[in-house]
Amino acid sequence: MTEAIAQTAPAVAGQADTIPAVKPHINRAALEWVTKAKLWVDRVAKLGPINSVDEHTAAVENRKQLGIAKRQVEEVRKDHTAPFRTAVETINTFFKSPAANIDAAIEIEDKRIDTFERAEKERRRVEEARLRAEREAEARRLREEADRIEAERRAAAEKALQEAEALEAAGRIDEADQLLAAASDEATAAQHEALALESAAEITESAPVLTAPPLSKGGLQRRTYYSAEVTDLRELVKAWLAGDAPAGCIIPDEKYLNGLARVQTSGFSIPGCKLVTTRKIGG
């Protein structure tokens, strides 16, 4: 297989510009790698276990050549992408400054808008509370006036009744009837006035309080974002141990632990963790 790899390897890095393109942006050298790489993996997949030192030596050599081929494929890929990377980097660099300036302008304007909207919301809250208090006070005044009129109506009716009884006792029946009729008319008018005041109190109390029309959103969305900050890791772990917090709250930093394992190797010793070794062949 070593010979097959050595003999069939296509053009390597540095030759990409001299070989005509077969597909847009892909030259013939790159396309040859597709066929050769598929051929190699098919051949290796059919090989059985190594049964002798000679087979092992051949396998190691094959592995070495495959590593070389992999690096050559990467170089060809870099040759193909280099012009595009340069163009992309140039374009990104060009747009980075205006995009950053627009982001800065957006941040400034957002702060101005948010500051005003918060202040305006508080101002309207205070103003609405003041107006609501005024309306409640007016509603109380109207009800108190209605209660006063009702009390006066009852007192007048009681007085008229006493006077009518005195007239009747004196034999002045017609005068007594006229007095009661006049008292009844006055009582009816007073009752209507009291009911009108009660109705006005209810309307005053229940009417919506609007200090100003809603602020224009201008097609912009207002979103509230929520996040969490760990202020006491020990308390969080205690909560998890007690079953008061889900396990997701204390997911370990595997990137840190893996880095620590690479540095300490066999000396790695962290409670609740174990050292995992994975053997790979390089080259």
C-alpha atoms as a PDB file:
ATOM      1  CA  MET A   1       0.000   0.000   0.000  1.00  0.00           C
ATOM      2  CA  THR A   2       2.986   2.303   0.613  1.00  0.00           C
ATOM      3  CA  GLU A   3       3.870   2.116  -3.035  1.00  0.00           C
ATOM      4  CA  ALA A   4       0.282   2.777  -4.037  1.00  0.00           C
ATOM      5  CA  ILE A   5       0.198   5.955  -1.958  1.00  0.00           C
ATOM      6  CA  ALA A   6       3.565   7.174  -3.168  1.00  0.00           C
ATOM      7  CA  GLN A   7       2.775   6.489  -6.808  1.00  0.00           C
ATOM      8  CA  THR A   8      -0.768   7.807  -6.939  1.00  0.00           C
ATOM      9  CA  ALA A   9      -0.389  11.000  -4.872  1.00  0.00           C
ATOM     10  CA  PRO A  10      -1.439  13.951  -7.040  1.00  0.00           C
ATOM     11  CA  ALA A  11       0.175  17.349  -7.286  1.00  0.00           C
ATOM     12  CA  VAL A  12       0.934  18.933  -3.885  1.00  0.00           C
ATOM     13  CA  ALA A  13       0.938  22.450  -2.511  1.00  0.00           C
ATOM     14  CA  GLY A  14       2.621  25.025  -4.667  1.00  0.00           C
ATOM     15  CA  GLN A  15       1.373  23.530  -7.934  1.00  0.00           C
ATOM     16  CA  ALA A  16      -2.288  24.537  -7.653  1.00  0.00           C
ATOM     17  CA  ASP A  17      -1.847  27.716  -9.678  1.00  0.00           C
ATOM     18  CA  THR A  18      -0.213  25.858 -12.599  1.00  0.00           C
ATOM     19  CA  ILE A  19      -2.979  23.256 -13.066  1.00  0.00           C
ATOM     20  CA  PRO A  20      -6.089  24.362 -14.954  1.00  0.00           C
ATOM     21  CA  ALA A  21      -9.371  24.468 -13.082  1.00  0.00           C
ATOM     22  CA  VAL A  22     -11.880  21.712 -13.848  1.00  0.00           C
ATOM     23  CA  LYS A  23     -14.687  23.134 -11.715  1.00  0.00           C
ATOM     24  CA  PRO A  24     -15.182  26.723 -10.556  1.00  0.00           C
ATOM     25  CA  HIS A  25     -12.505  27.489  -7.932  1.00  0.00           C
ATOM     26  CA  ILE A  26     -11.332  23.809  -7.873  1.00  0.00           C
ATOM     27  CA  ASN A  27      -8.363  22.694 -10.019  1.00  0.00           C
ATOM     28  CA  ARG A  28      -7.525  19.221 -11.259  1.00  0.00           C
ATOM     29  CA  ALA A  29      -5.072  18.510  -8.436  1.00  0.00           C
ATOM     30  CA  ALA A  30      -7.787  18.995  -5.839  1.00  0.00           C
ATOM     31  CA  LEU A  31     -10.198  16.723  -7.733  1.00  0.00           C
ATOM     32  CA  GLU A  32      -7.567  13.973  -7.932  1.00  0.00           C
ATOM     33  CA  TRP A  33      -7.329  13.972  -4.166  1.00  0.00           C
ATOM     34  CA  VAL A  34     -11.018  13.058  -3.942  1.00  0.00           C
ATOM     35  CA  THR A  35     -10.520   9.870  -5.962  1.00  0.00           C
ATOM     36  CA  LYS A  36      -7.231   8.862  -4.333  1.00  0.00           C
ATOM     37  CA  ALA A  37      -8.443   9.425  -0.797  1.00  0.00           C
ATOM     38  CA  LYS A  38     -11.562   7.310  -1.418  1.00  0.00           C
ATOM     39  CA  LEU A  39      -9.368   4.573  -2.881  1.00  0.00           C
ATOM     40  CA  TRP A  40      -7.082   4.549   0.159  1.00  0.00           C
ATOM     41  CA  VAL A  41      -9.876   4.362   2.710  1.00  0.00           C
ATOM     42  CA  ASP A  42     -11.516   1.513   0.783  1.00  0.00           C
ATOM     43  CA  ARG A  43      -8.229  -0.415   0.725  1.00  0.00           C
ATOM     44  CA  VAL A  44      -7.501   0.111   4.410  1.00  0.00           C
ATOM     45  CA  ALA A  45     -11.049  -0.877   5.368  1.00  0.00           C
ATOM     46  CA  LYS A  46     -10.497  -4.285   3.759  1.00  0.00           C
ATOM     47  CA  LEU A  47      -7.294  -5.042   5.672  1.00  0.00           C
ATOM     48  CA  GLY A  48      -7.482  -7.516   8.542  1.00  0.00           C
ATOM     49  CA  PRO A  49      -5.685  -7.496  11.899  1.00  0.00           C
ATOM     50  CA  ILE A  50      -1.888  -7.267  11.969  1.00  0.00           C
ATOM     51  CA  ASN A  51      -0.433 -10.724  12.551  1.00  0.00           C
ATOM     52  CA  SER A  52       3.327 -10.223  12.218  1.00  0.00           C
ATOM     53  CA  VAL A  53       6.135  -7.754  12.774  1.00  0.00           C
ATOM     54  CA  ASP A  54       6.524  -7.276   9.019  1.00  0.00           C
ATOM     55  CA  GLU A  55       2.845  -6.441   8.654  1.00  0.00           C
ATOM     56  CA  HIS A  56       3.186  -4.026  11.550  1.00  0.00           C
ATOM     57  CA  THR A  57       6.171  -2.335   9.896  1.00  0.00           C
ATOM     58  CA  ALA A  58       4.218  -2.029   6.653  1.00  0.00           C
ATOM     59  CA  ALA A  59       1.204  -0.636   8.483  1.00  0.00           C
ATOM     60  CA  VAL A  60       3.328   1.965  10.281  1.00  0.00           C
ATOM     61  CA  GLU A  61       4.848   3.038   6.953  1.00  0.00           C
ATOM     62  CA  ASN A  62       1.401   3.232   5.372  1.00  0.00           C
ATOM     63  CA  ARG A  63       0.204   5.307   8.290  1.00  0.00           C
ATOM     64  CA  LYS A  64       3.153   7.636   7.840  1.00  0.00           C
ATOM     65  CA  GLN A  65       2.359   8.116   4.152  1.00  0.00           C
ATOM     66  CA  LEU A  66      -1.302   8.735   4.952  1.00  0.00           C
ATOM     67  CA  GLY A  67      -0.242  11.449   7.392  1.00  0.00           C
ATOM     68  CA  ILE A  68       1.857  13.051   4.667  1.00  0.00           C
ATOM     69  CA  ALA A  69      -1.076  12.867   2.260  1.00  0.00           C
ATOM     70  CA  LYS A  70      -3.354  14.493   4.832  1.00  0.00           C
ATOM     71  CA  ARG A  71      -0.970  17.412   5.225  1.00  0.00           C
ATOM     72  CA  GLN A  72      -0.719  17.734   1.445  1.00  0.00           C
ATOM     73  CA  VAL A  73      -4.519  17.865   1.143  1.00  0.00           C
ATOM     74  CA  GLU A  74      -4.579  20.605   3.765  1.00  0.00           C
ATOM     75  CA  GLU A  75      -1.957  22.593   1.872  1.00  0.00           C
ATOM     76  CA  VAL A  76      -3.929  22.303  -1.364  1.00  0.00           C
ATOM     77  CA  ARG A  77      -7.053  23.419   0.476  1.00  0.00           C
ATOM     78  CA  LYS A  78      -5.202  26.435   1.846  1.00  0.00           C
ATOM     79  CA  ASP A  79      -3.932  27.282  -1.637  1.00  0.00           C
ATOM     80  CA  HIS A  80      -7.493  27.230  -2.936  1.00  0.00           C
ATOM     81  CA  THR A  81      -8.958  29.286  -0.100  1.00  0.00           C
ATOM     82  CA  ALA A  82      -6.122  31.819   0.291  1.00  0.00           C
ATOM     83  CA  PRO A  83      -7.390  34.266  -2.360  1.00  0.00           C
ATOM     84  CA  PHE A  84     -10.900  34.099  -0.966  1.00  0.00           C
ATOM     85  CA  ARG A  85      -9.717  34.487   2.618  1.00  0.00           C
ATOM     86  CA  THR A  86      -7.757  37.564   1.644  1.00  0.00           C
ATOM     87  CA  ALA A  87     -10.750  39.019  -0.180  1.00  0.00           C
ATOM     88  CA  VAL A  88     -13.080  38.235   2.700  1.00  0.00           C
ATOM     89  CA  GLU A  89     -10.672  39.723   5.237  1.00  0.00           C
ATOM     90  CA  THR A  90     -10.321  42.862   3.114  1.00  0.00           C
ATOM     91  CA  ILE A  91     -14.092  43.251   2.797  1.00  0.00           C
ATOM     92  CA  ASN A  92     -14.643  42.556   6.482  1.00  0.00           C
ATOM     93  CA  THR A  93     -11.979  45.087   7.420  1.00  0.00           C
ATOM     94  CA  PHE A  94     -13.577  47.673   5.153  1.00  0.00           C
ATOM     95  CA  PHE A  95     -17.028  47.242   6.696  1.00  0.00           C
ATOM     96  CA  LYS A  96     -15.789  46.826  10.258  1.00  0.00           C
ATOM     97  CA  SER A  97     -15.351  50.546  10.865  1.00  0.00           C
ATOM     98  CA  PRO A  98     -18.752  51.755   9.597  1.00  0.00           C
ATOM     99  CA  ALA A  99     -20.494  48.825  11.279  1.00  0.00           C
ATOM    100  CA  ALA A 100     -18.761  49.635  14.586  1.00  0.00           C
ATOM    101  CA  ASN A 101     -19.708  53.308  14.273  1.00  0.00           C
ATOM    102  CA  ILE A 102     -23.326  52.427  13.573  1.00  0.00           C
ATOM    103  CA  ASP A 103     -23.341  50.045  16.557  1.00  0.00           C
ATOM    104  CA  ALA A 104     -21.935  52.849  18.713  1.00  0.00           C
ATOM    105  CA  ALA A 105     -24.592  55.250  17.430  1.00  0.00           C
ATOM    106  CA  ILE A 106     -27.309  52.673  18.101  1.00  0.00           C
ATOM    107  CA  GLU A 107     -26.028  52.136  21.645  1.00  0.00           C
ATOM    108  CA  ILE A 108     -26.011  55.884  22.341  1.00  0.00           C
ATOM    109  CA  GLU A 109     -29.481  56.398  20.874  1.00  0.00           C
ATOM    110  CA  ASP A 110     -30.846  53.336  22.699  1.00  0.00           C
ATOM    111  CA  LYS A 111     -29.583  54.729  26.005  1.00  0.00           C
ATOM    112  CA  ARG A 112     -31.139  58.121  25.275  1.00  0.00           C
ATOM    113  CA  ILE A 113     -34.475  56.556  24.350  1.00  0.00           C
ATOM    114  CA  ASP A 114     -34.452  54.140  27.289  1.00  0.00           C
ATOM    115  CA  THR A 115     -33.494  56.873  29.765  1.00  0.00           C
ATOM    116  CA  PHE A 116     -36.320  59.114  28.591  1.00  0.00           C
ATOM    117  CA  GLU A 117     -38.891  56.306  28.443  1.00  0.00           C
ATOM    118  CA  ARG A 118     -38.047  55.238  31.990  1.00  0.00           C
ATOM    119  CA  ALA A 119     -38.243  58.813  33.267  1.00  0.00           C
ATOM    120  CA  GLU A 120     -41.436  59.482  31.312  1.00  0.00           C
ATOM    121  CA  LYS A 121     -42.993  56.277  32.632  1.00  0.00           C
ATOM    122  CA  GLU A 122     -42.226  57.328  36.201  1.00  0.00           C
ATOM    123  CA  ARG A 123     -43.485  60.888  35.561  1.00  0.00           C
ATOM    124  CA  ARG A 124     -46.739  59.549  34.161  1.00  0.00           C
ATOM    125  CA  ARG A 125     -47.079  57.127  37.065  1.00  0.00           C
ATOM    126  CA  VAL A 126     -46.725  59.970  39.551  1.00  0.00           C
ATOM    127  CA  GLU A 127     -49.088  62.213  37.569  1.00  0.00           C
ATOM    128  CA  GLU A 128     -51.667  59.456  37.209  1.00  0.00           C
ATOM    129  CA  ALA A 129     -51.445  58.733  40.935  1.00  0.00           C
ATOM    130  CA  ARG A 130     -52.029  62.444  41.634  1.00  0.00           C
ATOM    131  CA  LEU A 131     -55.004  62.624  39.280  1.00  0.00           C
ATOM    132  CA  ARG A 132     -56.415  59.382  40.663  1.00  0.00           C
ATOM    133  CA  ALA A 133     -56.132  60.752  44.192  1.00  0.00           C
ATOM    134  CA  GLU A 134     -57.901  63.933  43.097  1.00  0.00           C
ATOM    135  CA  ARG A 135     -60.713  61.939  41.507  1.00  0.00           C
ATOM    136  CA  GLU A 136     -61.065  59.761  44.568  1.00  0.00           C
ATOM    137  CA  ALA A 137     -61.251  62.886  46.728  1.00  0.00           C
ATOM    138  CA  GLU A 138     -63.898  64.366  44.408  1.00  0.00           C
ATOM    139  CA  ALA A 139     -65.850  61.100  44.497  1.00  0.00           C
ATOM    140  CA  ARG A 140     -65.766  61.175  48.310  1.00  0.00           C
ATOM    141  CA  ARG A 141     -66.964  64.799  48.283  1.00  0.00           C
ATOM    142  CA  LEU A 142     -69.852  63.931  45.998  1.00  0.00           C
ATOM    143  CA  ARG A 143     -70.863  60.977  48.162  1.00  0.00           C
ATOM    144  CA  GLU A 144     -70.614  63.097  51.296  1.00  0.00           C
ATOM    145  CA  GLU A 145     -72.830  65.706  49.644  1.00  0.00           C
ATOM    146  CA  ALA A 146     -75.302  62.989  48.659  1.00  0.00           C
ATOM    147  CA  ASP A 147     -75.303  61.695  52.251  1.00  0.00           C
ATOM    148  CA  ARG A 148     -75.900  65.237  53.553  1.00  0.00           C
ATOM    149  CA  ILE A 149     -78.834  65.779  51.194  1.00  0.00           C
ATOM    150  CA  GLU A 150     -80.280  62.400  52.137  1.00  0.00           C
ATOM    151  CA  ALA A 151     -79.947  63.188  55.847  1.00  0.00           C
ATOM    152  CA  GLU A 152     -81.595  66.585  55.348  1.00  0.00           C
ATOM    153  CA  ARG A 153     -84.393  64.912  53.347  1.00  0.00           C
ATOM    154  CA  ARG A 154     -85.101  62.478  56.152  1.00  0.00           C
ATOM    155  CA  ALA A 155     -85.008  65.235  58.779  1.00  0.00           C
ATOM    156  CA  ALA A 156     -87.352  67.399  56.682  1.00  0.00           C
ATOM    157  CA  ALA A 157     -89.718  64.469  56.152  1.00  0.00           C
ATOM    158  CA  GLU A 158     -89.750  63.747  59.880  1.00  0.00           C
ATOM    159  CA  LYS A 159     -90.388  67.404  60.689  1.00  0.00           C
ATOM    160  CA  ALA A 160     -93.162  67.649  58.085  1.00  0.00           C
ATOM    161  CA  LEU A 161     -94.802  64.536  59.486  1.00  0.00           C
ATOM    162  CA  GLN A 162     -94.754  65.959  63.028  1.00  0.00           C
ATOM    163  CA  GLU A 163     -96.206  69.263  61.860  1.00  0.00           C
ATOM    164  CA  ALA A 164     -98.902  67.501  59.814  1.00  0.00           C
ATOM    165  CA  GLU A 165     -99.889  65.422  62.846  1.00  0.00           C
ATOM    166  CA  ALA A 166    -100.169  68.634  64.899  1.00  0.00           C
ATOM    167  CA  LEU A 167    -102.384  70.216  62.234  1.00  0.00           C
ATOM    168  CA  GLU A 168    -104.565  67.136  62.081  1.00  0.00           C
ATOM    169  CA  ALA A 169    -104.922  67.170  65.838  1.00  0.00           C
ATOM    170  CA  ALA A 170    -106.039  70.773  65.599  1.00  0.00           C
ATOM    171  CA  GLY A 171    -108.604  69.816  62.972  1.00  0.00           C
ATOM    172  CA  ARG A 172    -106.766  71.533  60.162  1.00  0.00           C
ATOM    173  CA  ILE A 173    -106.805  68.526  57.823  1.00  0.00           C
ATOM    174  CA  ASP A 174    -106.474  70.404  54.537  1.00  0.00           C
ATOM    175  CA  GLU A 175    -103.384  72.249  55.746  1.00  0.00           C
ATOM    176  CA  ALA A 176    -101.889  68.965  56.953  1.00  0.00           C
ATOM    177  CA  ASP A 177    -102.451  67.347  53.527  1.00  0.00           C
ATOM    178  CA  GLN A 178    -100.921  70.330  51.744  1.00  0.00           C
ATOM    179  CA  LEU A 179     -97.890  70.212  54.048  1.00  0.00           C
ATOM    180  CA  LEU A 180     -97.323  66.489  53.444  1.00  0.00           C
ATOM    181  CA  ALA A 181     -97.733  66.932  49.679  1.00  0.00           C
ATOM    182  CA  ALA A 182     -95.148  69.746  49.602  1.00  0.00           C
ATOM    183  CA  ALA A 183     -92.802  67.719  51.828  1.00  0.00           C
ATOM    184  CA  SER A 184     -93.176  64.724  49.494  1.00  0.00           C
ATOM    185  CA  ASP A 185     -92.252  66.821  46.456  1.00  0.00           C
ATOM    186  CA  GLU A 186     -89.209  68.221  48.229  1.00  0.00           C
ATOM    187  CA  ALA A 187     -88.182  64.751  49.390  1.00  0.00           C
ATOM    188  CA  THR A 188     -88.462  63.392  45.849  1.00  0.00           C
ATOM    189  CA  ALA A 189     -86.329  66.208  44.450  1.00  0.00           C
ATOM    190  CA  ALA A 190     -83.752  65.731  47.183  1.00  0.00           C
ATOM    191  CA  GLN A 191     -83.655  61.994  46.560  1.00  0.00           C
ATOM    192  CA  HIS A 192     -83.086  62.544  42.824  1.00  0.00           C
ATOM    193  CA  GLU A 193     -80.299  64.994  43.613  1.00  0.00           C
ATOM    194  CA  ALA A 194     -78.630  62.500  45.960  1.00  0.00           C
ATOM    195  CA  LEU A 195     -78.853  59.715  43.356  1.00  0.00           C
ATOM    196  CA  ALA A 196     -77.333  62.025  40.728  1.00  0.00           C
ATOM    197  CA  LEU A 197     -74.442  62.788  43.066  1.00  0.00           C
ATOM    198  CA  GLU A 198     -73.882  59.058  43.712  1.00  0.00           C
ATOM    199  CA  SER A 199     -73.841  58.397  39.966  1.00  0.00           C
ATOM    200  CA  ALA A 200     -71.394  61.260  39.405  1.00  0.00           C
ATOM    201  CA  ALA A 201     -69.153  59.858  42.146  1.00  0.00           C
ATOM    202  CA  GLU A 202     -69.066  56.438  40.467  1.00  0.00           C
ATOM    203  CA  ILE A 203     -68.274  57.947  37.062  1.00  0.00           C
ATOM    204  CA  THR A 204     -65.544  60.133  38.523  1.00  0.00           C
ATOM    205  CA  GLU A 205     -63.993  57.219  40.394  1.00  0.00           C
ATOM    206  CA  SER A 206     -64.081  54.682  37.563  1.00  0.00           C
ATOM    207  CA  ALA A 207     -63.099  56.898  34.635  1.00  0.00           C
ATOM    208  CA  PRO A 208     -59.657  56.033  33.184  1.00  0.00           C
ATOM    209  CA  VAL A 209     -56.785  58.325  34.086  1.00  0.00           C
ATOM    210  CA  LEU A 210     -54.799  59.304  30.984  1.00  0.00           C
ATOM    211  CA  THR A 211     -52.049  61.859  31.373  1.00  0.00           C
ATOM    212  CA  ALA A 212     -50.775  61.674  27.776  1.00  0.00           C
ATOM    213  CA  PRO A 213     -51.069  59.516  24.657  1.00  0.00           C
ATOM    214  CA  PRO A 214     -48.744  56.485  24.445  1.00  0.00           C
ATOM    215  CA  LEU A 215     -45.203  57.163  23.267  1.00  0.00           C
ATOM    216  CA  SER A 216     -44.480  56.243  19.666  1.00  0.00           C
ATOM    217  CA  LYS A 217     -42.531  53.004  19.285  1.00  0.00           C
ATOM    218  CA  GLY A 218     -41.574  53.869  15.726  1.00  0.00           C
ATOM    219  CA  GLY A 219     -41.579  50.229  14.689  1.00  0.00           C
ATOM    220  CA  LEU A 220     -38.869  49.395  17.244  1.00  0.00           C
ATOM    221  CA  GLN A 221     -39.303  46.473  19.598  1.00  0.00           C
ATOM    222  CA  ARG A 222     -38.784  46.728  23.333  1.00  0.00           C
ATOM    223  CA  ARG A 223     -37.383  43.555  24.839  1.00  0.00           C
ATOM    224  CA  THR A 224     -36.400  42.696  28.357  1.00  0.00           C
ATOM    225  CA  TYR A 225     -33.523  40.243  28.663  1.00  0.00           C
ATOM    226  CA  TYR A 226     -32.944  38.170  31.761  1.00  0.00           C
ATOM    227  CA  SER A 227     -29.711  36.570  32.928  1.00  0.00           C
ATOM    228  CA  ALA A 228     -28.332  35.061  36.110  1.00  0.00           C
ATOM    229  CA  GLU A 229     -25.195  35.823  38.096  1.00  0.00           C
ATOM    230  CA  VAL A 230     -23.715  33.394  40.604  1.00  0.00           C
ATOM    231  CA  THR A 231     -23.039  35.342  43.783  1.00  0.00           C
ATOM    232  CA  ASP A 232     -22.241  32.443  46.124  1.00  0.00           C
ATOM    233  CA  LEU A 233     -21.076  29.177  44.547  1.00  0.00           C
ATOM    234  CA  ARG A 234     -21.086  27.313  47.873  1.00  0.00           C
ATOM    235  CA  GLU A 235     -24.730  28.199  48.482  1.00  0.00           C
ATOM    236  CA  LEU A 236     -25.587  27.102  44.953  1.00  0.00           C
ATOM    237  CA  VAL A 237     -23.898  23.734  45.463  1.00  0.00           C
ATOM    238  CA  LYS A 238     -25.680  23.339  48.806  1.00  0.00           C
ATOM    239  CA  ALA A 239     -28.987  24.019  47.081  1.00  0.00           C
ATOM    240  CA  TRP A 240     -28.206  21.373  44.457  1.00  0.00           C
ATOM    241  CA  LEU A 241     -27.257  18.824  47.138  1.00  0.00           C
ATOM    242  CA  ALA A 242     -30.517  19.584  48.938  1.00  0.00           C
ATOM    243  CA  GLY A 243     -32.488  19.088  45.743  1.00  0.00           C
ATOM    244  CA  ASP A 244     -33.491  22.748  45.563  1.00  0.00           C
ATOM    245  CA  ALA A 245     -31.578  23.472  42.339  1.00  0.00           C
ATOM    246  CA  PRO A 246     -31.274  21.441  39.101  1.00  0.00           C
ATOM    247  CA  ALA A 247     -27.978  19.804  38.113  1.00  0.00           C
ATOM    248  CA  GLY A 248     -27.674  22.199  35.189  1.00  0.00           C
ATOM    249  CA  CYS A 249     -26.822  24.942  37.698  1.00  0.00           C
ATOM    250  CA  ILE A 250     -23.481  23.336  38.557  1.00  0.00           C
ATOM    251  CA  ILE A 251     -22.271  21.925  35.215  1.00  0.00           C
ATOM    252  CA  PRO A 252     -18.462  21.627  35.576  1.00  0.00           C
ATOM    253  CA  ASP A 253     -16.036  23.501  33.341  1.00  0.00           C
ATOM    254  CA  GLU A 254     -14.794  20.547  31.279  1.00  0.00           C
ATOM    255  CA  LYS A 255     -12.489  22.778  29.229  1.00  0.00           C
ATOM    256  CA  TYR A 256     -10.659  23.775  32.399  1.00  0.00           C
ATOM    257  CA  LEU A 257     -10.600  20.206  33.720  1.00  0.00           C
ATOM    258  CA  ASN A 258      -9.255  18.830  30.415  1.00  0.00           C
ATOM    259  CA  GLY A 259      -6.510  21.467  30.414  1.00  0.00           C
ATOM    260  CA  LEU A 260      -5.618  20.551  33.994  1.00  0.00           C
ATOM    261  CA  ALA A 261      -5.478  16.854  33.039  1.00  0.00           C
ATOM    262  CA  ARG A 262      -3.146  17.616  30.120  1.00  0.00           C
ATOM    263  CA  VAL A 263      -0.792  19.488  32.449  1.00  0.00           C
ATOM    264  CA  GLN A 264      -0.890  17.077  35.404  1.00  0.00           C
ATOM    265  CA  THR A 265      -1.220  13.862  33.317  1.00  0.00           C
ATOM    266  CA  SER A 266      -1.007  10.887  35.703  1.00  0.00           C
ATOM    267  CA  GLY A 267      -0.932  13.236  38.688  1.00  0.00           C
ATOM    268  CA  PHE A 268      -4.427  14.526  37.935  1.00  0.00           C
ATOM    269  CA  SER A 269      -6.540  14.161  41.063  1.00  0.00           C
ATOM    270  CA  ILE A 270      -9.765  16.086  41.512  1.00  0.00           C
ATOM    271  CA  PRO A 271     -12.525  14.713  43.772  1.00  0.00           C
ATOM    272  CA  GLY A 272     -15.442  13.503  41.689  1.00  0.00           C
ATOM    273  CA  CYS A 273     -13.330  13.285  38.506  1.00  0.00           C
ATOM    274  CA  LYS A 274     -11.206  10.579  36.895  1.00  0.00           C
ATOM    275  CA  LEU A 275      -8.338  10.742  34.439  1.00  0.00           C
ATOM    276  CA  VAL A 276      -9.299   9.518  30.959  1.00  0.00           C
ATOM    277  CA  THR A 277      -6.530   8.576  28.521  1.00  0.00           C
ATOM    278  CA  THR A 278      -7.045   8.256  24.777  1.00  0.00           C
ATOM    279  CA  ARG A 279      -4.159   6.973  22.699  1.00  0.00           C
ATOM    280  CA  LYS A 280      -3.755   8.317  19.184  1.00  0.00           C
ATOM    281  CA  ILE A 281      -1.104   7.887  16.527  1.00  0.00           C
ATOM    282  CA  GLY A 282       0.283  11.100  15.106  1.00  0.00           C
ATOM    283  CA  GLY A 283       2.199  11.920  11.947  1.00  0.00           C
END
